[in-house]
Amino acid sequence: MDAQTRFKELERALKGMDRVLLSDFEIKQERAVPTIESVIYFQKLYRPKTLYLVIGADCLRHLSSWTNAKELLKRVELVVFERIGYEEIQFKGRYFPLKGIDAPISSSAIRASLGV
């Protein structure tokens, strides 16, 4: 599924959620965009008091390898979906866990099954 199709699907899924903003900023870049770059863009554009980054527990395991991970963690409040069946991840930083989410498949597995 290409990026534009995923974006349209998300628009439909998030319709009516007034406090959720969907942006095609990364799609328009036509390249891989490091998360820190997106965070800086949205902080400059909207100047939010707090910016939350929501990731799955599987992503938390590799967060230290992300581009400018330390700066990223200074700029966001991290929210982590703790999926049932995943072992607890040792992470020295602070994050807000979302427990009890029964999402037995990761975004990586979905992309792999679609050949993306």
Protein backbone atom coordinates (compact mmCIF):
# COMPACT_ATOMS: atom_id res chain seq x y z
CA MET A 1 0.00 0.00 0.00
CA ASP A 2 1.56 3.31 -1.03
CA ALA A 3 1.88 6.32 1.26
CA GLN A 4 -1.04 8.25 -0.28
CA THR A 5 -3.38 5.28 0.14
CA ARG A 6 -2.31 4.82 3.78
CA PHE A 7 -2.87 8.53 4.35
CA LYS A 8 -6.41 8.35 2.94
CA GLU A 9 -7.17 5.31 5.11
CA LEU A 10 -5.94 7.18 8.18
CA GLU A 11 -8.08 10.20 7.26
CA ARG A 12 -11.15 7.97 7.29
CA ALA A 13 -10.13 6.20 10.51
CA LEU A 14 -9.43 9.44 12.39
CA LYS A 15 -12.46 11.38 11.17
CA GLY A 16 -14.15 13.15 14.07
CA MET A 17 -11.13 12.99 16.38
CA ASP A 18 -10.73 16.72 16.93
CA ARG A 19 -7.55 16.49 18.99
CA VAL A 20 -5.68 14.37 16.45
CA LEU A 21 -3.78 16.01 13.61
CA LEU A 22 -2.91 14.04 10.51
CA SER A 23 -0.20 15.50 8.29
CA ASP A 24 1.34 14.52 4.99
CA PHE A 25 4.58 16.38 5.80
CA GLU A 26 6.74 13.25 5.53
CA ILE A 27 5.03 12.05 2.34
CA LYS A 28 5.74 15.39 0.65
CA GLN A 29 9.46 15.08 1.43
CA GLU A 30 9.67 12.09 -0.95
CA ARG A 31 12.48 10.58 1.14
CA ALA A 32 12.94 8.88 4.47
CA VAL A 33 12.47 11.54 7.15
CA PRO A 34 14.05 11.02 10.57
CA THR A 35 11.54 11.38 13.40
CA ILE A 36 13.55 14.21 14.95
CA GLU A 37 13.14 16.23 11.74
CA SER A 38 9.37 15.79 11.85
CA VAL A 39 9.26 16.71 15.54
CA ILE A 40 11.23 19.93 14.94
CA TYR A 41 8.97 20.80 11.99
CA PHE A 42 5.78 20.38 14.05
CA GLN A 43 7.21 22.22 17.04
CA LYS A 44 8.05 25.21 14.85
CA LEU A 45 4.73 25.09 13.02
CA TYR A 46 2.34 24.63 15.96
CA ARG A 47 4.42 25.58 19.01
CA PRO A 48 2.65 23.04 21.24
CA LYS A 49 3.19 23.09 24.98
CA THR A 50 3.74 19.33 24.80
CA LEU A 51 4.29 17.05 21.83
CA TYR A 52 3.60 13.35 22.29
CA LEU A 53 5.32 10.67 20.24
CA VAL A 54 3.37 7.42 20.20
CA ILE A 55 5.30 4.26 19.32
CA GLY A 56 4.91 0.53 19.77
CA ALA A 57 6.91 -1.38 22.35
CA ASP A 58 8.83 -3.04 19.52
CA CYS A 59 10.10 0.39 18.39
CA LEU A 60 11.21 1.29 21.90
CA ARG A 61 13.75 -1.52 21.74
CA HIS A 62 15.61 0.27 18.90
CA LEU A 63 14.97 3.89 19.86
CA SER A 64 18.58 4.51 20.87
CA SER A 65 19.65 3.88 17.25
CA TRP A 66 17.28 6.52 15.81
CA THR A 67 18.77 9.72 14.39
CA ASN A 68 19.51 12.16 17.24
CA ALA A 69 17.65 9.96 19.74
CA LYS A 70 18.79 11.97 22.78
CA GLU A 71 17.55 15.23 21.28
CA LEU A 72 14.30 13.55 20.26
CA LEU A 73 13.66 12.42 23.83
CA LYS A 74 14.27 15.96 25.10
CA ARG A 75 11.63 17.33 22.74
CA VAL A 76 8.75 14.85 23.18
CA GLU A 77 6.75 13.00 25.78
CA LEU A 78 7.04 9.37 24.81
CA VAL A 79 3.91 7.18 24.84
CA VAL A 80 4.45 3.46 24.31
CA PHE A 81 1.87 0.83 23.36
CA GLU A 82 2.85 -2.15 25.49
CA ARG A 83 1.59 -5.02 23.39
CA ILE A 84 0.44 -8.25 24.95
CA GLY A 85 2.98 -10.98 24.31
CA TYR A 86 5.99 -8.69 24.11
CA GLU A 87 8.58 -9.02 26.82
CA GLU A 88 9.18 -5.97 28.96
CA ILE A 89 11.80 -3.74 27.41
CA GLN A 90 14.55 -2.25 29.53
CA PHE A 91 14.52 1.47 28.79
CA LYS A 92 16.30 4.00 30.97
CA GLY A 93 14.28 7.00 29.80
CA ARG A 94 10.83 8.11 30.85
CA TYR A 95 7.71 7.10 28.96
CA PHE A 96 3.98 6.76 29.48
CA PRO A 97 2.85 3.16 28.97
CA LEU A 98 -0.46 2.28 27.35
CA LYS A 99 -1.09 -1.12 28.87
CA GLY A 100 -3.48 -3.86 27.87
CA ILE A 101 -3.59 -3.07 24.18
CA ASP A 102 -4.32 -6.33 22.39
CA ALA A 103 -2.56 -5.62 19.12
CA PRO A 104 -0.93 -8.94 18.26
CA ILE A 105 0.68 -7.60 15.08
CA SER A 106 3.26 -4.88 14.63
CA SER A 107 3.34 -2.21 11.93
CA SER A 108 6.51 -3.89 10.62
CA ALA A 109 4.66 -7.19 10.21
CA ILE A 110 1.79 -5.46 8.41
CA ARG A 111 4.19 -3.74 5.99
CA ALA A 112 6.03 -7.02 5.39
CA SER A 113 2.79 -8.85 4.59
CA LEU A 114 1.91 -6.12 2.08
CA GLY A 115 5.36 -6.21 0.53
CA VAL A 116 6.05 -2.60 1.52
